[in-house]
Amino acid sequence: MINIHGHHGVHINFLTYALDVCVGDRDLLTTLPNQFADTSARNNFFARVSIESVDQDKVIWVYPHNRLFFAYNLFTRAVQHILEGFYYEGDDTSVKEWYDTLPKYNFDNFTIHDWESYPARYICGCGMISEHFHYIKSISKEDGTVDKHKMIWWYLKEILSHHRYYGDIKLSGKDLLKVPNTMFYDIEQFEHYMKAIEKQFNLTLDMTHIETLYDQLQKTLSFGHDTVRTDGSYLSEAYLNSGKLKDIIYPPE
């Protein structure tokens, strides 16, 4: 068993699915989900978000090299876990009661603009950021929209530059391979790192599926290279206001 480790927002579940397909453990999906959270065979690969759960000797660590892609994925896909249960772990029962009054969720074609139109409604869908619920609620108006400048500040301080997401990990005694999240946004990088995984762990991967797998992922994304810096979202504006952090947040090719 190989553990695939990374934060929410770096496509560890898709990578698990892709590797399952390439080793022959499962067939290509014919109907695509909004996200790939429950699509793995779990015979040879298992996605792990918590570092404490990485219990195998062989580990693939997907790290958020491109912070803007990481953030976009976090807020358009990771928050969809709210459909699977309530993630907020605070002691304020009024939060759960308030959520119960909200209309049903619809994540079809969910974009960064949908998230930013009512972030307090969605933030508890991802345990990694649910602790920020009370702040997001405090900057929200009655209609759910947020104060633009306070939201940009939050993006910059808590998401795009916070060390908790971007520090190195130490797994002594493990056979560890680090791969960047940018491998999922360029077909050549995707093939390159799939071959690196194959070589590192002595696997036999059917590379004829690479293009189809890559295209499947792209069809489920609501953002890409051409939009993340220019779509008019508060998140893209936070990037534009990040000054010297720009090359760290969105590293040059």
C-alpha atoms as a PDB file:
ATOM      1  CA  MET A   1       0.000   0.000   0.000  1.00  0.00           C
ATOM      2  CA  ILE A   2       1.220   3.487  -0.892  1.00  0.00           C
ATOM      3  CA  ASN A   3      -0.128   6.466   1.060  1.00  0.00           C
ATOM      4  CA  ILE A   4      -0.846   9.601  -0.957  1.00  0.00           C
ATOM      5  CA  HIS A   5      -0.614  12.529   1.430  1.00  0.00           C
ATOM      6  CA  GLY A   6      -1.479  16.201   1.067  1.00  0.00           C
ATOM      7  CA  HIS A   7      -3.819  18.947   2.191  1.00  0.00           C
ATOM      8  CA  HIS A   8      -7.344  19.329   0.932  1.00  0.00           C
ATOM      9  CA  GLY A   9      -7.014  21.143  -2.382  1.00  0.00           C
ATOM     10  CA  VAL A  10      -4.052  19.340  -3.981  1.00  0.00           C
ATOM     11  CA  HIS A  11      -5.938  16.543  -5.787  1.00  0.00           C
ATOM     12  CA  ILE A  12      -4.775  13.574  -3.700  1.00  0.00           C
ATOM     13  CA  ASN A  13      -8.054  11.760  -4.356  1.00  0.00           C
ATOM     14  CA  PHE A  14      -7.772  12.258  -8.101  1.00  0.00           C
ATOM     15  CA  LEU A  15      -4.176  11.008  -8.038  1.00  0.00           C
ATOM     16  CA  THR A  16      -5.335   7.913  -6.151  1.00  0.00           C
ATOM     17  CA  TYR A  17      -7.992   7.292  -8.789  1.00  0.00           C
ATOM     18  CA  ALA A  18      -5.523   7.899 -11.653  1.00  0.00           C
ATOM     19  CA  LEU A  19      -3.001   5.441 -10.231  1.00  0.00           C
ATOM     20  CA  ASP A  20      -5.719   2.857  -9.625  1.00  0.00           C
ATOM     21  CA  VAL A  21      -6.654   3.115 -13.309  1.00  0.00           C
ATOM     22  CA  CYS A  22      -3.051   2.954 -14.510  1.00  0.00           C
ATOM     23  CA  VAL A  23      -2.236  -0.213 -12.513  1.00  0.00           C
ATOM     24  CA  GLY A  24      -5.476  -1.882 -13.624  1.00  0.00           C
ATOM     25  CA  ASP A  25      -7.283  -1.867 -10.266  1.00  0.00           C
ATOM     26  CA  ARG A  26     -10.302  -0.049 -11.674  1.00  0.00           C
ATOM     27  CA  ASP A  27     -11.796   1.157 -14.928  1.00  0.00           C
ATOM     28  CA  LEU A  28     -11.965   4.715 -16.171  1.00  0.00           C
ATOM     29  CA  LEU A  29     -15.056   6.509 -14.945  1.00  0.00           C
ATOM     30  CA  THR A  30     -17.746   7.000 -17.561  1.00  0.00           C
ATOM     31  CA  THR A  31     -19.647   9.576 -15.504  1.00  0.00           C
ATOM     32  CA  LEU A  32     -17.527  12.245 -13.870  1.00  0.00           C
ATOM     33  CA  PRO A  33     -18.179  13.394 -10.291  1.00  0.00           C
ATOM     34  CA  ASN A  34     -17.843  16.987  -9.088  1.00  0.00           C
ATOM     35  CA  GLN A  35     -14.781  15.759  -7.196  1.00  0.00           C
ATOM     36  CA  PHE A  36     -12.928  12.448  -6.918  1.00  0.00           C
ATOM     37  CA  ALA A  37     -13.256  11.894  -3.169  1.00  0.00           C
ATOM     38  CA  ASP A  38     -14.848   8.428  -3.337  1.00  0.00           C
ATOM     39  CA  THR A  39     -13.500   6.978  -6.557  1.00  0.00           C
ATOM     40  CA  SER A  40     -10.502   4.922  -5.413  1.00  0.00           C
ATOM     41  CA  ALA A  41     -10.225   1.123  -5.316  1.00  0.00           C
ATOM     42  CA  ARG A  42      -7.950   1.290  -2.219  1.00  0.00           C
ATOM     43  CA  ASN A  43      -6.041  -1.828  -3.169  1.00  0.00           C
ATOM     44  CA  ASN A  44      -2.610  -0.274  -3.675  1.00  0.00           C
ATOM     45  CA  PHE A  45      -3.090   3.451  -2.966  1.00  0.00           C
ATOM     46  CA  PHE A  46      -4.839   5.331  -0.184  1.00  0.00           C
ATOM     47  CA  ALA A  47      -5.262   9.098   0.168  1.00  0.00           C
ATOM     48  CA  ARG A  48      -4.418  10.569   3.589  1.00  0.00           C
ATOM     49  CA  VAL A  49      -4.952  14.186   4.617  1.00  0.00           C
ATOM     50  CA  SER A  50      -3.810  13.835   8.230  1.00  0.00           C
ATOM     51  CA  ILE A  51      -0.051  13.350   8.593  1.00  0.00           C
ATOM     52  CA  GLU A  52      -0.733  11.214  11.669  1.00  0.00           C
ATOM     53  CA  SER A  53      -2.605   8.747   9.420  1.00  0.00           C
ATOM     54  CA  VAL A  54       0.352   8.199   7.087  1.00  0.00           C
ATOM     55  CA  ASP A  55       1.159   4.716   8.338  1.00  0.00           C
ATOM     56  CA  GLN A  56       2.715   3.067   5.281  1.00  0.00           C
ATOM     57  CA  ASP A  57       6.418   2.976   4.437  1.00  0.00           C
ATOM     58  CA  LYS A  58       5.825   4.299   0.926  1.00  0.00           C
ATOM     59  CA  VAL A  59       4.460   7.841   0.644  1.00  0.00           C
ATOM     60  CA  ILE A  60       3.661  10.249  -2.190  1.00  0.00           C
ATOM     61  CA  TRP A  61       3.414  13.789  -0.841  1.00  0.00           C
ATOM     62  CA  VAL A  62       1.565  16.291  -3.028  1.00  0.00           C
ATOM     63  CA  TYR A  63       2.616  19.769  -1.930  1.00  0.00           C
ATOM     64  CA  PRO A  64       0.969  23.094  -2.907  1.00  0.00           C
ATOM     65  CA  HIS A  65       3.764  24.524  -5.053  1.00  0.00           C
ATOM     66  CA  ASN A  66       1.278  26.859  -6.734  1.00  0.00           C
ATOM     67  CA  ARG A  67      -0.641  28.478  -3.889  1.00  0.00           C
ATOM     68  CA  LEU A  68      -3.238  30.108  -6.108  1.00  0.00           C
ATOM     69  CA  PHE A  69      -4.281  26.796  -7.661  1.00  0.00           C
ATOM     70  CA  PHE A  70      -4.331  25.300  -4.168  1.00  0.00           C
ATOM     71  CA  ALA A  71      -6.632  28.058  -2.907  1.00  0.00           C
ATOM     72  CA  TYR A  72      -8.963  27.872  -5.886  1.00  0.00           C
ATOM     73  CA  ASN A  73      -9.299  24.126  -5.488  1.00  0.00           C
ATOM     74  CA  LEU A  74      -9.867  24.498  -1.744  1.00  0.00           C
ATOM     75  CA  PHE A  75     -12.765  26.901  -2.187  1.00  0.00           C
ATOM     76  CA  THR A  76     -14.436  25.368  -5.242  1.00  0.00           C
ATOM     77  CA  ARG A  77     -14.007  21.651  -4.503  1.00  0.00           C
ATOM     78  CA  ALA A  78     -12.855  20.816  -0.963  1.00  0.00           C
ATOM     79  CA  VAL A  79     -15.813  22.676   0.574  1.00  0.00           C
ATOM     80  CA  GLN A  80     -18.146  20.262  -1.218  1.00  0.00           C
ATOM     81  CA  HIS A  81     -17.494  17.756   1.562  1.00  0.00           C
ATOM     82  CA  ILE A  82     -20.272  19.548   3.428  1.00  0.00           C
ATOM     83  CA  LEU A  83     -22.624  17.189   1.583  1.00  0.00           C
ATOM     84  CA  GLU A  84     -21.028  14.292   3.483  1.00  0.00           C
ATOM     85  CA  GLY A  85     -21.499  15.735   6.959  1.00  0.00           C
ATOM     86  CA  PHE A  86     -20.891  18.727   9.165  1.00  0.00           C
ATOM     87  CA  TYR A  87     -17.211  19.489   9.751  1.00  0.00           C
ATOM     88  CA  TYR A  88     -17.346  22.350  12.233  1.00  0.00           C
ATOM     89  CA  GLU A  89     -15.781  21.204  15.513  1.00  0.00           C
ATOM     90  CA  GLY A  90     -16.337  24.275  17.664  1.00  0.00           C
ATOM     91  CA  ASP A  91     -18.451  24.312  20.816  1.00  0.00           C
ATOM     92  CA  ASP A  92     -21.065  26.746  19.486  1.00  0.00           C
ATOM     93  CA  THR A  93     -24.221  24.704  18.823  1.00  0.00           C
ATOM     94  CA  SER A  94     -25.834  27.736  17.201  1.00  0.00           C
ATOM     95  CA  VAL A  95     -23.550  27.186  14.193  1.00  0.00           C
ATOM     96  CA  LYS A  96     -25.113  23.796  13.490  1.00  0.00           C
ATOM     97  CA  GLU A  97     -28.598  25.167  14.119  1.00  0.00           C
ATOM     98  CA  TRP A  98     -27.936  28.024  11.695  1.00  0.00           C
ATOM     99  CA  TYR A  99     -26.703  25.605   9.029  1.00  0.00           C
ATOM    100  CA  ASP A 100     -29.878  23.555   9.367  1.00  0.00           C
ATOM    101  CA  THR A 101     -31.874  26.590   8.208  1.00  0.00           C
ATOM    102  CA  LEU A 102     -29.958  26.947   4.938  1.00  0.00           C
ATOM    103  CA  PRO A 103     -31.335  25.724   1.605  1.00  0.00           C
ATOM    104  CA  LYS A 104     -29.982  22.568  -0.001  1.00  0.00           C
ATOM    105  CA  TYR A 105     -26.585  22.756  -1.640  1.00  0.00           C
ATOM    106  CA  ASN A 106     -26.036  22.566  -5.376  1.00  0.00           C
ATOM    107  CA  PHE A 107     -22.416  22.221  -6.456  1.00  0.00           C
ATOM    108  CA  ASP A 108     -22.988  21.694 -10.162  1.00  0.00           C
ATOM    109  CA  ASN A 109     -20.616  24.040 -12.027  1.00  0.00           C
ATOM    110  CA  PHE A 110     -19.578  25.567  -8.701  1.00  0.00           C
ATOM    111  CA  THR A 111     -17.132  28.448  -9.171  1.00  0.00           C
ATOM    112  CA  ILE A 112     -15.049  30.774  -7.029  1.00  0.00           C
ATOM    113  CA  HIS A 113     -17.804  33.381  -7.483  1.00  0.00           C
ATOM    114  CA  ASP A 114     -20.359  30.978  -5.980  1.00  0.00           C
ATOM    115  CA  TRP A 115     -18.081  30.496  -2.980  1.00  0.00           C
ATOM    116  CA  GLU A 116     -17.487  34.226  -2.536  1.00  0.00           C
ATOM    117  CA  SER A 117     -21.194  35.029  -2.830  1.00  0.00           C
ATOM    118  CA  TYR A 118     -21.844  33.285   0.501  1.00  0.00           C
ATOM    119  CA  PRO A 119     -18.624  31.839   2.016  1.00  0.00           C
ATOM    120  CA  ALA A 120     -20.057  31.390   5.517  1.00  0.00           C
ATOM    121  CA  ARG A 121     -22.519  28.934   4.048  1.00  0.00           C
ATOM    122  CA  TYR A 122     -19.783  26.712   2.607  1.00  0.00           C
ATOM    123  CA  ILE A 123     -16.694  27.074   4.797  1.00  0.00           C
ATOM    124  CA  CYS A 124     -17.609  24.304   7.227  1.00  0.00           C
ATOM    125  CA  GLY A 125     -17.518  21.820   4.354  1.00  0.00           C
ATOM    126  CA  CYS A 126     -13.741  21.565   4.741  1.00  0.00           C
ATOM    127  CA  GLY A 127     -12.403  20.726   8.181  1.00  0.00           C
ATOM    128  CA  MET A 128      -9.092  22.383   7.371  1.00  0.00           C
ATOM    129  CA  ILE A 129     -10.664  25.853   7.173  1.00  0.00           C
ATOM    130  CA  SER A 130     -13.863  25.439   9.209  1.00  0.00           C
ATOM    131  CA  GLU A 131     -12.144  27.029  12.218  1.00  0.00           C
ATOM    132  CA  HIS A 132     -12.463  30.340  10.373  1.00  0.00           C
ATOM    133  CA  PHE A 133     -16.256  30.145  10.298  1.00  0.00           C
ATOM    134  CA  HIS A 134     -16.854  32.787  12.974  1.00  0.00           C
ATOM    135  CA  TYR A 135     -14.552  35.317  11.295  1.00  0.00           C
ATOM    136  CA  ILE A 136     -16.136  34.767   7.877  1.00  0.00           C
ATOM    137  CA  LYS A 137     -19.589  35.036   9.426  1.00  0.00           C
ATOM    138  CA  SER A 138     -18.551  38.265  11.173  1.00  0.00           C
ATOM    139  CA  ILE A 139     -17.609  39.942   7.871  1.00  0.00           C
ATOM    140  CA  SER A 140     -20.744  38.695   6.117  1.00  0.00           C
ATOM    141  CA  LYS A 141     -23.792  40.843   5.438  1.00  0.00           C
ATOM    142  CA  GLU A 142     -27.342  39.607   5.920  1.00  0.00           C
ATOM    143  CA  ASP A 143     -27.498  38.441   2.301  1.00  0.00           C
ATOM    144  CA  GLY A 144     -24.355  36.345   2.777  1.00  0.00           C
ATOM    145  CA  THR A 145     -21.978  38.533   0.789  1.00  0.00           C
ATOM    146  CA  VAL A 146     -18.763  39.609   2.481  1.00  0.00           C
ATOM    147  CA  ASP A 147     -16.814  42.801   2.897  1.00  0.00           C
ATOM    148  CA  LYS A 148     -14.440  42.746  -0.069  1.00  0.00           C
ATOM    149  CA  HIS A 149     -11.373  44.227   1.629  1.00  0.00           C
ATOM    150  CA  LYS A 150     -11.691  42.063   4.742  1.00  0.00           C
ATOM    151  CA  MET A 151     -12.044  38.961   2.562  1.00  0.00           C
ATOM    152  CA  ILE A 152      -8.938  39.881   0.582  1.00  0.00           C
ATOM    153  CA  TRP A 153      -7.051  40.423   3.836  1.00  0.00           C
ATOM    154  CA  TRP A 154      -8.186  36.999   5.056  1.00  0.00           C
ATOM    155  CA  TYR A 155      -7.061  35.325   1.834  1.00  0.00           C
ATOM    156  CA  LEU A 156      -3.626  36.936   2.085  1.00  0.00           C
ATOM    157  CA  LYS A 157      -3.049  36.334   5.797  1.00  0.00           C
ATOM    158  CA  GLU A 158      -4.690  32.969   6.393  1.00  0.00           C
ATOM    159  CA  ILE A 159      -4.538  31.160   3.050  1.00  0.00           C
ATOM    160  CA  LEU A 160      -1.916  32.432   0.607  1.00  0.00           C
ATOM    161  CA  SER A 161       0.895  33.104   3.077  1.00  0.00           C
ATOM    162  CA  HIS A 162       0.146  31.025   6.183  1.00  0.00           C
ATOM    163  CA  HIS A 163       3.031  28.661   6.935  1.00  0.00           C
ATOM    164  CA  ARG A 164       0.735  25.824   8.059  1.00  0.00           C
ATOM    165  CA  TYR A 165       0.006  24.890   4.445  1.00  0.00           C
ATOM    166  CA  TYR A 166       3.408  25.365   2.888  1.00  0.00           C
ATOM    167  CA  GLY A 167       5.986  24.001   5.320  1.00  0.00           C
ATOM    168  CA  ASP A 168       8.052  20.918   4.606  1.00  0.00           C
ATOM    169  CA  ILE A 169       7.177  17.575   6.168  1.00  0.00           C
ATOM    170  CA  LYS A 170       9.524  15.099   7.787  1.00  0.00           C
ATOM    171  CA  LEU A 171       8.758  11.397   7.540  1.00  0.00           C
ATOM    172  CA  SER A 172      11.904   9.694   8.735  1.00  0.00           C
ATOM    173  CA  GLY A 173      12.350   6.139   7.565  1.00  0.00           C
ATOM    174  CA  LYS A 174       9.769   6.504   4.785  1.00  0.00           C
ATOM    175  CA  ASP A 175      10.266   5.995   1.068  1.00  0.00           C
ATOM    176  CA  LEU A 176       9.016   9.488   0.206  1.00  0.00           C
ATOM    177  CA  LEU A 177       8.410  11.104  -3.179  1.00  0.00           C
ATOM    178  CA  LYS A 178       7.394  14.765  -3.344  1.00  0.00           C
ATOM    179  CA  VAL A 179       5.303  15.913  -6.302  1.00  0.00           C
ATOM    180  CA  PRO A 180       3.893  19.446  -6.868  1.00  0.00           C
ATOM    181  CA  ASN A 181       0.225  20.283  -7.314  1.00  0.00           C
ATOM    182  CA  THR A 182       1.209  21.892 -10.637  1.00  0.00           C
ATOM    183  CA  MET A 183       1.382  18.376 -12.123  1.00  0.00           C
ATOM    184  CA  PHE A 184      -2.413  18.511 -12.434  1.00  0.00           C
ATOM    185  CA  TYR A 185      -2.511  21.660 -14.559  1.00  0.00           C
ATOM    186  CA  ASP A 186      -0.147  20.750 -17.385  1.00  0.00           C
ATOM    187  CA  ILE A 187      -0.351  17.519 -19.392  1.00  0.00           C
ATOM    188  CA  GLU A 188       3.429  17.243 -19.769  1.00  0.00           C
ATOM    189  CA  GLN A 189       3.986  17.673 -16.042  1.00  0.00           C
ATOM    190  CA  PHE A 190       1.259  15.147 -15.310  1.00  0.00           C
ATOM    191  CA  GLU A 191       2.936  12.533 -17.472  1.00  0.00           C
ATOM    192  CA  HIS A 192       6.377  13.405 -16.082  1.00  0.00           C
ATOM    193  CA  TYR A 193       5.388  12.928 -12.444  1.00  0.00           C
ATOM    194  CA  MET A 194       3.339   9.806 -13.136  1.00  0.00           C
ATOM    195  CA  LYS A 195       6.508   8.318 -14.645  1.00  0.00           C
ATOM    196  CA  ALA A 196       8.467   9.499 -11.590  1.00  0.00           C
ATOM    197  CA  ILE A 197       5.979   7.684  -9.336  1.00  0.00           C
ATOM    198  CA  GLU A 198       6.279   4.575 -11.490  1.00  0.00           C
ATOM    199  CA  LYS A 199      10.068   4.599 -11.229  1.00  0.00           C
ATOM    200  CA  GLN A 200      10.265   5.475  -7.507  1.00  0.00           C
ATOM    201  CA  PHE A 201       7.976   2.673  -6.396  1.00  0.00           C
ATOM    202  CA  ASN A 202       8.787   0.108  -9.092  1.00  0.00           C
ATOM    203  CA  LEU A 203       5.269   0.116 -10.539  1.00  0.00           C
ATOM    204  CA  THR A 204       4.005  -0.773 -13.984  1.00  0.00           C
ATOM    205  CA  LEU A 205       1.641   1.962 -15.152  1.00  0.00           C
ATOM    206  CA  ASP A 206      -0.419   1.917 -18.340  1.00  0.00           C
ATOM    207  CA  MET A 207       0.497   5.337 -19.706  1.00  0.00           C
ATOM    208  CA  THR A 208      -2.046   5.112 -22.529  1.00  0.00           C
ATOM    209  CA  HIS A 209      -4.624   6.445 -20.033  1.00  0.00           C
ATOM    210  CA  ILE A 210      -2.681   9.601 -19.175  1.00  0.00           C
ATOM    211  CA  GLU A 211      -4.358  11.972 -21.617  1.00  0.00           C
ATOM    212  CA  THR A 212      -7.858  10.707 -20.832  1.00  0.00           C
ATOM    213  CA  LEU A 213      -7.271  10.983 -17.075  1.00  0.00           C
ATOM    214  CA  TYR A 214      -5.876  14.483 -17.406  1.00  0.00           C
ATOM    215  CA  ASP A 215      -8.838  15.568 -19.527  1.00  0.00           C
ATOM    216  CA  GLN A 216     -11.260  14.080 -17.002  1.00  0.00           C
ATOM    217  CA  LEU A 217      -9.807  16.201 -14.224  1.00  0.00           C
ATOM    218  CA  GLN A 218      -9.871  19.376 -16.327  1.00  0.00           C
ATOM    219  CA  LYS A 219     -13.555  18.846 -17.102  1.00  0.00           C
ATOM    220  CA  THR A 220     -14.347  18.951 -13.377  1.00  0.00           C
ATOM    221  CA  LEU A 221     -12.424  22.177 -12.710  1.00  0.00           C
ATOM    222  CA  SER A 222     -14.017  25.619 -12.854  1.00  0.00           C
ATOM    223  CA  PHE A 223     -10.672  27.413 -13.146  1.00  0.00           C
ATOM    224  CA  GLY A 224      -7.406  27.179 -15.035  1.00  0.00           C
ATOM    225  CA  HIS A 225      -4.179  28.916 -16.019  1.00  0.00           C
ATOM    226  CA  ASP A 226      -6.022  31.587 -17.985  1.00  0.00           C
ATOM    227  CA  THR A 227      -8.577  32.499 -15.324  1.00  0.00           C
ATOM    228  CA  VAL A 228      -7.120  32.324 -11.803  1.00  0.00           C
ATOM    229  CA  ARG A 229      -5.421  35.715 -12.060  1.00  0.00           C
ATOM    230  CA  THR A 230      -8.014  37.547 -14.156  1.00  0.00           C
ATOM    231  CA  ASP A 231     -11.511  36.311 -13.263  1.00  0.00           C
ATOM    232  CA  GLY A 232     -12.407  39.305 -11.087  1.00  0.00           C
ATOM    233  CA  SER A 233     -12.735  37.247  -7.899  1.00  0.00           C
ATOM    234  CA  TYR A 234     -11.623  38.524  -4.507  1.00  0.00           C
ATOM    235  CA  LEU A 235      -9.108  35.675  -4.503  1.00  0.00           C
ATOM    236  CA  SER A 236      -7.503  36.791  -7.769  1.00  0.00           C
ATOM    237  CA  GLU A 237      -7.480  40.365  -6.445  1.00  0.00           C
ATOM    238  CA  ALA A 238      -5.745  39.146  -3.283  1.00  0.00           C
ATOM    239  CA  TYR A 239      -3.046  37.695  -5.516  1.00  0.00           C
ATOM    240  CA  LEU A 240      -2.749  40.973  -7.419  1.00  0.00           C
ATOM    241  CA  ASN A 241      -2.266  42.773  -4.091  1.00  0.00           C
ATOM    242  CA  SER A 242       0.298  40.326  -2.740  1.00  0.00           C
ATOM    243  CA  GLY A 243       3.345  42.380  -3.828  1.00  0.00           C
ATOM    244  CA  LYS A 244       6.606  40.492  -3.377  1.00  0.00           C
ATOM    245  CA  LEU A 245       4.662  37.313  -2.588  1.00  0.00           C
ATOM    246  CA  LYS A 246       3.466  36.994  -6.200  1.00  0.00           C
ATOM    247  CA  ASP A 247       6.255  34.689  -7.383  1.00  0.00           C
ATOM    248  CA  ILE A 248       5.811  32.527  -4.293  1.00  0.00           C
ATOM    249  CA  ILE A 249       2.041  32.272  -4.664  1.00  0.00           C
ATOM    250  CA  TYR A 250       2.124  31.665  -8.424  1.00  0.00           C
ATOM    251  CA  PRO A 251       5.681  30.521  -9.243  1.00  0.00           C
ATOM    252  CA  PRO A 252       6.988  31.355 -12.718  1.00  0.00           C
ATOM    253  CA  GLU A 253       7.124  28.444 -15.148  1.00  0.00           C
END
